[in-house]
PDB file of all heavy atoms in Angstrom:
ATOM      1  N   LYS A   1       4.541 -12.538 -11.474  1.00  0.00           N
ATOM      2  CA  LYS A   1       5.139 -13.639 -10.728  1.00  0.00           C
ATOM      3  C   LYS A   1       4.690 -13.565  -9.275  1.00  0.00           C
ATOM      4  O   LYS A   1       4.603 -12.496  -8.694  1.00  0.00           O
ATOM      5  CB  LYS A   1       6.669 -13.564 -10.765  1.00  0.00           C
ATOM      6  CG  LYS A   1       7.284 -13.980 -12.069  1.00  0.00           C
ATOM      7  CD  LYS A   1       8.785 -14.051 -11.915  1.00  0.00           C
ATOM      8  CE  LYS A   1       9.444 -14.654 -13.123  1.00  0.00           C
ATOM      9  NZ  LYS A   1      10.885 -14.786 -12.926  1.00  0.00           N
ATOM     10  N   GLY A   2       4.431 -14.731  -8.704  1.00  0.00           N
ATOM     11  CA  GLY A   2       4.061 -14.815  -7.304  1.00  0.00           C
ATOM     12  C   GLY A   2       5.287 -14.980  -6.427  1.00  0.00           C
ATOM     13  O   GLY A   2       6.418 -14.775  -6.856  1.00  0.00           O
ATOM     14  N   VAL A   3       5.052 -15.363  -5.191  1.00  0.00           N
ATOM     15  CA  VAL A   3       6.130 -15.592  -4.239  1.00  0.00           C
ATOM     16  C   VAL A   3       6.900 -16.829  -4.678  1.00  0.00           C
ATOM     17  O   VAL A   3       6.315 -17.884  -4.912  1.00  0.00           O
ATOM     18  CB  VAL A   3       5.581 -15.800  -2.812  1.00  0.00           C
ATOM     19  CG1 VAL A   3       6.704 -16.078  -1.837  1.00  0.00           C
ATOM     20  CG2 VAL A   3       4.782 -14.584  -2.362  1.00  0.00           C
ATOM     21  N   THR A   4       8.198 -16.695  -4.806  1.00  0.00           N
ATOM     22  CA  THR A   4       9.031 -17.823  -5.209  1.00  0.00           C
ATOM     23  C   THR A   4      10.350 -17.769  -4.450  1.00  0.00           C
ATOM     24  O   THR A   4      10.813 -16.708  -4.065  1.00  0.00           O
ATOM     25  CB  THR A   4       9.293 -17.812  -6.732  1.00  0.00           C
ATOM     26  OG1 THR A   4      10.181 -18.899  -7.051  1.00  0.00           O
ATOM     27  CG2 THR A   4       9.932 -16.521  -7.195  1.00  0.00           C
ATOM     28  N   LEU A   5      10.936 -18.925  -4.248  1.00  0.00           N
ATOM     29  CA  LEU A   5      12.237 -19.010  -3.584  1.00  0.00           C
ATOM     30  C   LEU A   5      13.371 -18.982  -4.600  1.00  0.00           C
ATOM     31  O   LEU A   5      14.532 -18.938  -4.231  1.00  0.00           O
ATOM     32  CB  LEU A   5      12.327 -20.304  -2.764  1.00  0.00           C
ATOM     33  CG  LEU A   5      11.181 -20.573  -1.791  1.00  0.00           C
ATOM     34  CD1 LEU A   5      11.405 -21.887  -1.079  1.00  0.00           C
ATOM     35  CD2 LEU A   5      11.034 -19.446  -0.812  1.00  0.00           C
ATOM     36  N   GLU A   6      13.032 -19.015  -5.874  1.00  0.00           N
ATOM     37  CA  GLU A   6      14.023 -19.154  -6.931  1.00  0.00           C
ATOM     38  C   GLU A   6      14.295 -17.851  -7.668  1.00  0.00           C
ATOM     39  O   GLU A   6      14.700 -17.863  -8.824  1.00  0.00           O
ATOM     40  CB  GLU A   6      13.557 -20.218  -7.918  1.00  0.00           C
ATOM     41  CG  GLU A   6      13.344 -21.567  -7.280  1.00  0.00           C
ATOM     42  CD  GLU A   6      12.679 -22.545  -8.211  1.00  0.00           C
ATOM     43  OE1 GLU A   6      12.331 -22.176  -9.335  1.00  0.00           O
ATOM     44  OE2 GLU A   6      12.495 -23.701  -7.790  1.00  0.00           O
ATOM     45  N   ASP A   7      14.067 -16.739  -7.026  1.00  0.00           N
ATOM     46  CA  ASP A   7      14.287 -15.449  -7.660  1.00  0.00           C
ATOM     47  C   ASP A   7      15.097 -14.568  -6.718  1.00  0.00           C
ATOM     48  O   ASP A   7      15.207 -14.846  -5.523  1.00  0.00           O
ATOM     49  CB  ASP A   7      12.938 -14.788  -7.981  1.00  0.00           C
ATOM     50  CG  ASP A   7      12.988 -13.955  -9.257  1.00  0.00           C
ATOM     51  OD1 ASP A   7      14.094 -13.507  -9.627  1.00  0.00           O
ATOM     52  OD2 ASP A   7      11.936 -13.749  -9.866  1.00  0.00           O
ATOM     53  N   GLY A   8      15.643 -13.501  -7.258  1.00  0.00           N
ATOM     54  CA  GLY A   8      16.422 -12.591  -6.435  1.00  0.00           C
ATOM     55  C   GLY A   8      15.589 -12.046  -5.289  1.00  0.00           C
ATOM     56  O   GLY A   8      14.398 -11.787  -5.438  1.00  0.00           O
ATOM     57  N   HIS A   9      16.201 -11.904  -4.123  1.00  0.00           N
ATOM     58  CA  HIS A   9      15.524 -11.374  -2.952  1.00  0.00           C
ATOM     59  C   HIS A   9      16.558 -10.910  -1.940  1.00  0.00           C
ATOM     60  O   HIS A   9      17.739 -11.188  -2.090  1.00  0.00           O
ATOM     61  CB  HIS A   9      14.603 -12.427  -2.321  1.00  0.00           C
ATOM     62  CG  HIS A   9      15.322 -13.608  -1.743  1.00  0.00           C
ATOM     63  ND1 HIS A   9      15.728 -14.682  -2.502  1.00  0.00           N
ATOM     64  CD2 HIS A   9      15.737 -13.874  -0.478  1.00  0.00           C
ATOM     65  CE1 HIS A   9      16.340 -15.568  -1.723  1.00  0.00           C
ATOM     66  NE2 HIS A   9      16.360 -15.091  -0.491  1.00  0.00           N
ATOM     67  N   PHE A  10      16.104 -10.210  -0.924  1.00  0.00           N
ATOM     68  CA  PHE A  10      16.968  -9.925   0.218  1.00  0.00           C
ATOM     69  C   PHE A  10      16.248 -10.407   1.459  1.00  0.00           C
ATOM     70  O   PHE A  10      15.035 -10.612   1.448  1.00  0.00           O
ATOM     71  CB  PHE A  10      17.353  -8.441   0.303  1.00  0.00           C
ATOM     72  CG  PHE A  10      16.238  -7.498   0.650  1.00  0.00           C
ATOM     73  CD1 PHE A  10      16.031  -7.106   1.959  1.00  0.00           C
ATOM     74  CD2 PHE A  10      15.417  -6.979  -0.336  1.00  0.00           C
ATOM     75  CE1 PHE A  10      15.017  -6.225   2.279  1.00  0.00           C
ATOM     76  CE2 PHE A  10      14.402  -6.092  -0.027  1.00  0.00           C
ATOM     77  CZ  PHE A  10      14.196  -5.722   1.293  1.00  0.00           C
ATOM     78  N   ALA A  11      16.998 -10.652   2.525  1.00  0.00           N
ATOM     79  CA  ALA A  11      16.422 -11.237   3.731  1.00  0.00           C
ATOM     80  C   ALA A  11      16.618 -10.319   4.926  1.00  0.00           C
ATOM     81  O   ALA A  11      17.674  -9.707   5.086  1.00  0.00           O
ATOM     82  CB  ALA A  11      17.056 -12.601   4.003  1.00  0.00           C
ATOM     83  N   LEU A  12      15.589 -10.260   5.749  1.00  0.00           N
ATOM     84  CA  LEU A  12      15.616  -9.522   7.007  1.00  0.00           C
ATOM     85  C   LEU A  12      15.447 -10.538   8.128  1.00  0.00           C
ATOM     86  O   LEU A  12      14.579 -11.406   8.054  1.00  0.00           O
ATOM     87  CB  LEU A  12      14.473  -8.505   7.058  1.00  0.00           C
ATOM     88  CG  LEU A  12      14.425  -7.485   5.928  1.00  0.00           C
ATOM     89  CD1 LEU A  12      13.122  -6.700   5.973  1.00  0.00           C
ATOM     90  CD2 LEU A  12      15.620  -6.548   6.029  1.00  0.00           C
ATOM     91  N   ARG A  13      16.262 -10.437   9.160  1.00  0.00           N
ATOM     92  CA  ARG A  13      16.167 -11.374  10.279  1.00  0.00           C
ATOM     93  C   ARG A  13      15.400 -10.735  11.416  1.00  0.00           C
ATOM     94  O   ARG A  13      15.608  -9.580  11.746  1.00  0.00           O
ATOM     95  CB  ARG A  13      17.558 -11.790  10.744  1.00  0.00           C
ATOM     96  CG  ARG A  13      17.479 -12.649  11.995  1.00  0.00           C
ATOM     97  CD  ARG A  13      18.360 -13.823  12.086  1.00  0.00           C
ATOM     98  NE  ARG A  13      18.212 -14.856  11.105  1.00  0.00           N
ATOM     99  CZ  ARG A  13      18.996 -15.917  11.090  1.00  0.00           C
ATOM    100  NH1 ARG A  13      19.956 -16.042  11.991  1.00  0.00           N
ATOM    101  NH2 ARG A  13      18.839 -16.847  10.183  1.00  0.00           N
ATOM    102  N   VAL A  14      14.484 -11.525  12.010  1.00  0.00           N
ATOM    103  CA  VAL A  14      13.725 -11.090  13.175  1.00  0.00           C
ATOM    104  C   VAL A  14      14.087 -11.969  14.359  1.00  0.00           C
ATOM    105  O   VAL A  14      14.601 -13.079  14.189  1.00  0.00           O
ATOM    106  CB  VAL A  14      12.196 -11.146  12.917  1.00  0.00           C
ATOM    107  CG1 VAL A  14      11.802 -10.177  11.811  1.00  0.00           C
ATOM    108  CG2 VAL A  14      11.735 -12.559  12.600  1.00  0.00           C
ATOM    109  N   GLU A  15      13.820 -11.484  15.553  1.00  0.00           N
ATOM    110  CA  GLU A  15      14.129 -12.265  16.747  1.00  0.00           C
ATOM    111  C   GLU A  15      13.052 -13.313  17.017  1.00  0.00           C
ATOM    112  O   GLU A  15      13.347 -14.454  17.364  1.00  0.00           O
ATOM    113  CB  GLU A  15      14.269 -11.343  17.960  1.00  0.00           C
ATOM    114  CG  GLU A  15      14.769 -12.056  19.184  1.00  0.00           C
ATOM    115  CD  GLU A  15      15.074 -11.118  20.326  1.00  0.00           C
ATOM    116  OE1 GLU A  15      15.217  -9.908  20.095  1.00  0.00           O
ATOM    117  OE2 GLU A  15      15.180 -11.608  21.469  1.00  0.00           O
ATOM    118  N   ILE A  16      11.778 -12.917  16.856  1.00  0.00           N
ATOM    119  CA  ILE A  16      10.674 -13.817  17.194  1.00  0.00           C
ATOM    120  C   ILE A  16       9.825 -14.065  15.947  1.00  0.00           C
ATOM    121  O   ILE A  16       9.090 -13.183  15.488  1.00  0.00           O
ATOM    122  CB  ILE A  16       9.823 -13.232  18.336  1.00  0.00           C
ATOM    123  CG1 ILE A  16      10.710 -12.975  19.565  1.00  0.00           C
ATOM    124  CG2 ILE A  16       8.673 -14.175  18.686  1.00  0.00           C
ATOM    125  CD1 ILE A  16      10.017 -12.217  20.671  1.00  0.00           C
ATOM    126  N   PHE A  17       9.923 -15.255  15.410  1.00  0.00           N
ATOM    127  CA  PHE A  17       9.267 -15.613  14.161  1.00  0.00           C
ATOM    128  C   PHE A  17       7.751 -15.444  14.235  1.00  0.00           C
ATOM    129  O   PHE A  17       7.139 -14.808  13.382  1.00  0.00           O
ATOM    130  CB  PHE A  17       9.629 -17.054  13.781  1.00  0.00           C
ATOM    131  CG  PHE A  17       9.077 -17.483  12.457  1.00  0.00           C
ATOM    132  CD1 PHE A  17       9.713 -17.126  11.284  1.00  0.00           C
ATOM    133  CD2 PHE A  17       7.913 -18.244  12.379  1.00  0.00           C
ATOM    134  CE1 PHE A  17       9.211 -17.513  10.048  1.00  0.00           C
ATOM    135  CE2 PHE A  17       7.407 -18.636  11.149  1.00  0.00           C
ATOM    136  CZ  PHE A  17       8.053 -18.268   9.988  1.00  0.00           C
ATOM    137  N   ASP A  18       7.114 -16.025  15.254  1.00  0.00           N
ATOM    138  CA  ASP A  18       5.664 -15.974  15.346  1.00  0.00           C
ATOM    139  C   ASP A  18       5.149 -14.549  15.521  1.00  0.00           C
ATOM    140  O   ASP A  18       4.074 -14.213  15.026  1.00  0.00           O
ATOM    141  CB  ASP A  18       5.149 -16.874  16.469  1.00  0.00           C
ATOM    142  CG  ASP A  18       5.238 -18.356  16.103  1.00  0.00           C
ATOM    143  OD1 ASP A  18       5.085 -18.677  14.906  1.00  0.00           O
ATOM    144  OD2 ASP A  18       5.455 -19.184  17.004  1.00  0.00           O
ATOM    145  N   ALA A  19       5.894 -13.702  16.195  1.00  0.00           N
ATOM    146  CA  ALA A  19       5.492 -12.303  16.346  1.00  0.00           C
ATOM    147  C   ALA A  19       5.550 -11.594  14.999  1.00  0.00           C
ATOM    148  O   ALA A  19       4.667 -10.790  14.671  1.00  0.00           O
ATOM    149  CB  ALA A  19       6.388 -11.600  17.365  1.00  0.00           C
ATOM    150  N   ALA A  20       6.565 -11.888  14.202  1.00  0.00           N
ATOM    151  CA  ALA A  20       6.669 -11.290  12.867  1.00  0.00           C
ATOM    152  C   ALA A  20       5.518 -11.751  11.989  1.00  0.00           C
ATOM    153  O   ALA A  20       4.903 -10.950  11.278  1.00  0.00           O
ATOM    154  CB  ALA A  20       8.012 -11.661  12.232  1.00  0.00           C
ATOM    155  N   LEU A  21       5.205 -13.034  12.041  1.00  0.00           N
ATOM    156  CA  LEU A  21       4.104 -13.577  11.253  1.00  0.00           C
ATOM    157  C   LEU A  21       2.780 -12.940  11.679  1.00  0.00           C
ATOM    158  O   LEU A  21       1.977 -12.528  10.835  1.00  0.00           O
ATOM    159  CB  LEU A  21       4.052 -15.098  11.399  1.00  0.00           C
ATOM    160  CG  LEU A  21       2.978 -15.828  10.603  1.00  0.00           C
ATOM    161  CD1 LEU A  21       3.102 -15.543   9.118  1.00  0.00           C
ATOM    162  CD2 LEU A  21       3.059 -17.323  10.880  1.00  0.00           C
ATOM    163  N   ALA A  22       2.551 -12.823  12.980  1.00  0.00           N
ATOM    164  CA  ALA A  22       1.319 -12.206  13.482  1.00  0.00           C
ATOM    165  C   ALA A  22       1.225 -10.742  13.045  1.00  0.00           C
ATOM    166  O   ALA A  22       0.148 -10.262  12.682  1.00  0.00           O
ATOM    167  CB  ALA A  22       1.254 -12.321  15.002  1.00  0.00           C
ATOM    168  N   HIS A  23       2.347 -10.035  13.057  1.00  0.00           N
ATOM    169  CA  HIS A  23       2.363  -8.634  12.623  1.00  0.00           C
ATOM    170  C   HIS A  23       1.960  -8.522  11.157  1.00  0.00           C
ATOM    171  O   HIS A  23       1.122  -7.693  10.796  1.00  0.00           O
ATOM    172  CB  HIS A  23       3.759  -8.035  12.833  1.00  0.00           C
ATOM    173  CG  HIS A  23       3.936  -6.699  12.200  1.00  0.00           C
ATOM    174  ND1 HIS A  23       3.562  -5.530  12.816  1.00  0.00           N
ATOM    175  CD2 HIS A  23       4.413  -6.345  10.979  1.00  0.00           C
ATOM    176  CE1 HIS A  23       3.798  -4.514  12.002  1.00  0.00           C
ATOM    177  NE2 HIS A  23       4.326  -4.989  10.885  1.00  0.00           N
ATOM    178  N   LEU A  24       2.548  -9.362  10.308  1.00  0.00           N
ATOM    179  CA  LEU A  24       2.222  -9.325   8.880  1.00  0.00           C
ATOM    180  C   LEU A  24       0.759  -9.674   8.635  1.00  0.00           C
ATOM    181  O   LEU A  24       0.082  -9.032   7.823  1.00  0.00           O
ATOM    182  CB  LEU A  24       3.138 -10.260   8.102  1.00  0.00           C
ATOM    183  CG  LEU A  24       4.608  -9.829   8.047  1.00  0.00           C
ATOM    184  CD1 LEU A  24       5.460 -10.945   7.448  1.00  0.00           C
ATOM    185  CD2 LEU A  24       4.766  -8.539   7.276  1.00  0.00           C
ATOM    186  N   GLU A  25       0.253 -10.668   9.350  1.00  0.00           N
ATOM    187  CA  GLU A  25      -1.151 -11.032   9.204  1.00  0.00           C
ATOM    188  C   GLU A  25      -2.064  -9.888   9.653  1.00  0.00           C
ATOM    189  O   GLU A  25      -3.083  -9.607   9.010  1.00  0.00           O
ATOM    190  CB  GLU A  25      -1.450 -12.312   9.974  1.00  0.00           C
ATOM    191  CG  GLU A  25      -0.798 -13.531   9.339  1.00  0.00           C
ATOM    192  CD  GLU A  25      -0.889 -14.797  10.169  1.00  0.00           C
ATOM    193  OE1 GLU A  25      -1.093 -14.709  11.405  1.00  0.00           O
ATOM    194  OE2 GLU A  25      -0.745 -15.883   9.575  1.00  0.00           O
ATOM    195  N   ALA A  26      -1.706  -9.194  10.716  1.00  0.00           N
ATOM    196  CA  ALA A  26      -2.496  -8.055  11.202  1.00  0.00           C
ATOM    197  C   ALA A  26      -2.502  -6.908  10.194  1.00  0.00           C
ATOM    198  O   ALA A  26      -3.442  -6.104  10.173  1.00  0.00           O
ATOM    199  CB  ALA A  26      -1.950  -7.574  12.548  1.00  0.00           C
ATOM    200  N   LYS A  27      -1.464  -6.840   9.345  1.00  0.00           N
ATOM    201  CA  LYS A  27      -1.381  -5.815   8.304  1.00  0.00           C
ATOM    202  C   LYS A  27      -2.063  -6.254   7.014  1.00  0.00           C
ATOM    203  O   LYS A  27      -1.988  -5.577   5.999  1.00  0.00           O
ATOM    204  CB  LYS A  27       0.084  -5.468   8.015  1.00  0.00           C
ATOM    205  CG  LYS A  27       0.801  -4.803   9.171  1.00  0.00           C
ATOM    206  CD  LYS A  27       0.280  -3.402   9.401  1.00  0.00           C
ATOM    207  CE  LYS A  27       1.069  -2.687  10.474  1.00  0.00           C
ATOM    208  NZ  LYS A  27       0.628  -1.297  10.629  1.00  0.00           N
ATOM    209  N   GLY A  28      -2.714  -7.423   7.037  1.00  0.00           N
ATOM    210  CA  GLY A  28      -3.471  -7.880   5.875  1.00  0.00           C
ATOM    211  C   GLY A  28      -2.737  -8.840   4.968  1.00  0.00           C
ATOM    212  O   GLY A  28      -3.233  -9.184   3.891  1.00  0.00           O
ATOM    213  N   CYS A  29      -1.560  -9.285   5.367  1.00  0.00           N
ATOM    214  CA  CYS A  29      -0.816 -10.253   4.550  1.00  0.00           C
ATOM    215  C   CYS A  29      -1.365 -11.655   4.816  1.00  0.00           C
ATOM    216  O   CYS A  29      -1.831 -11.950   5.912  1.00  0.00           O
ATOM    217  CB  CYS A  29       0.676 -10.189   4.889  1.00  0.00           C
ATOM    218  SG  CYS A  29       1.394  -8.567   4.550  1.00  0.00           S
ATOM    219  N   HIS A  30      -1.312 -12.520   3.799  1.00  0.00           N
ATOM    220  CA  HIS A  30      -1.870 -13.856   3.920  1.00  0.00           C
ATOM    221  C   HIS A  30      -1.080 -14.827   3.061  1.00  0.00           C
ATOM    222  O   HIS A  30      -0.405 -14.443   2.116  1.00  0.00           O
ATOM    223  CB  HIS A  30      -3.339 -13.860   3.495  1.00  0.00           C
ATOM    224  CG  HIS A  30      -3.538 -13.300   2.110  1.00  0.00           C
ATOM    225  ND1 HIS A  30      -3.386 -14.052   0.970  1.00  0.00           N
ATOM    226  CD2 HIS A  30      -3.829 -12.048   1.695  1.00  0.00           C
ATOM    227  CE1 HIS A  30      -3.593 -13.300  -0.092  1.00  0.00           C
ATOM    228  NE2 HIS A  30      -3.859 -12.060   0.317  1.00  0.00           N
ATOM    229  N   GLU A  31      -1.187 -16.104   3.432  1.00  0.00           N
ATOM    230  CA  GLU A  31      -0.530 -17.150   2.646  1.00  0.00           C
ATOM    231  C   GLU A  31      -1.322 -17.433   1.389  1.00  0.00           C
ATOM    232  O   GLU A  31      -2.542 -17.328   1.369  1.00  0.00           O
ATOM    233  CB  GLU A  31      -0.403 -18.435   3.465  1.00  0.00           C
ATOM    234  CG  GLU A  31       0.705 -18.384   4.482  1.00  0.00           C
ATOM    235  CD  GLU A  31       1.033 -19.756   5.021  1.00  0.00           C
ATOM    236  OE1 GLU A  31       1.701 -20.531   4.296  1.00  0.00           O
ATOM    237  OE2 GLU A  31       0.641 -20.039   6.159  1.00  0.00           O
ATOM    238  N   GLY A  32      -0.588 -17.787   0.336  1.00  0.00           N
ATOM    239  CA  GLY A  32      -1.224 -18.154  -0.922  1.00  0.00           C
ATOM    240  C   GLY A  32      -1.463 -16.946  -1.807  1.00  0.00           C
ATOM    241  O   GLY A  32      -1.321 -15.800  -1.395  1.00  0.00           O
ATOM    242  N   GLY A  33      -1.796 -17.229  -3.049  1.00  0.00           N
ATOM    243  CA  GLY A  33      -2.058 -16.171  -4.003  1.00  0.00           C
ATOM    244  C   GLY A  33      -0.794 -15.488  -4.472  1.00  0.00           C
ATOM    245  O   GLY A  33       0.319 -15.921  -4.165  1.00  0.00           O
ATOM    246  N   ASP A  34      -0.984 -14.409  -5.204  1.00  0.00           N
ATOM    247  CA  ASP A  34       0.179 -13.653  -5.689  1.00  0.00           C
ATOM    248  C   ASP A  34      -0.129 -12.158  -5.704  1.00  0.00           C
ATOM    249  O   ASP A  34       0.327 -11.428  -6.559  1.00  0.00           O
ATOM    250  CB  ASP A  34       0.630 -14.146  -7.065  1.00  0.00           C
ATOM    251  CG  ASP A  34      -0.371 -13.856  -8.165  1.00  0.00           C
ATOM    252  OD1 ASP A  34      -1.503 -13.453  -7.854  1.00  0.00           O
ATOM    253  OD2 ASP A  34      -0.016 -14.026  -9.337  1.00  0.00           O
ATOM    254  N   GLU A  35      -0.887 -11.700  -4.719  1.00  0.00           N
ATOM    255  CA  GLU A  35      -1.249 -10.294  -4.614  1.00  0.00           C
ATOM    256  C   GLU A  35      -0.060  -9.483  -4.106  1.00  0.00           C
ATOM    257  O   GLU A  35       0.394  -9.681  -2.980  1.00  0.00           O
ATOM    258  CB  GLU A  35      -2.433 -10.140  -3.663  1.00  0.00           C
ATOM    259  CG  GLU A  35      -2.899  -8.725  -3.494  1.00  0.00           C
ATOM    260  CD  GLU A  35      -3.996  -8.607  -2.450  1.00  0.00           C
ATOM    261  OE1 GLU A  35      -4.408  -9.619  -1.872  1.00  0.00           O
ATOM    262  OE2 GLU A  35      -4.415  -7.472  -2.209  1.00  0.00           O
ATOM    263  N   PRO A  36       0.459  -8.567  -4.916  1.00  0.00           N
ATOM    264  CA  PRO A  36       1.606  -7.757  -4.476  1.00  0.00           C
ATOM    265  C   PRO A  36       1.298  -6.992  -3.191  1.00  0.00           C
ATOM    266  O   PRO A  36       0.225  -6.432  -3.037  1.00  0.00           O
ATOM    267  CB  PRO A  36       1.822  -6.791  -5.641  1.00  0.00           C
ATOM    268  CG  PRO A  36       1.210  -7.471  -6.817  1.00  0.00           C
ATOM    269  CD  PRO A  36       0.029  -8.240  -6.266  1.00  0.00           C
ATOM    270  N   GLY A  37       2.250  -7.015  -2.257  1.00  0.00           N
ATOM    271  CA  GLY A  37       2.106  -6.306  -0.995  1.00  0.00           C
ATOM    272  C   GLY A  37       1.294  -7.040   0.047  1.00  0.00           C
ATOM    273  O   GLY A  37       1.171  -6.572   1.176  1.00  0.00           O
TER     274      GLY A  37
END
């Protein structure tokens, strides 16, 4: 299964959204696909 909004999950809140997104992208995360991690 890929990323879905209709499955069990937990949420973490960050203060600065764009900084969190930039951090994840710098760690190799990307939009699309279903590659775990």
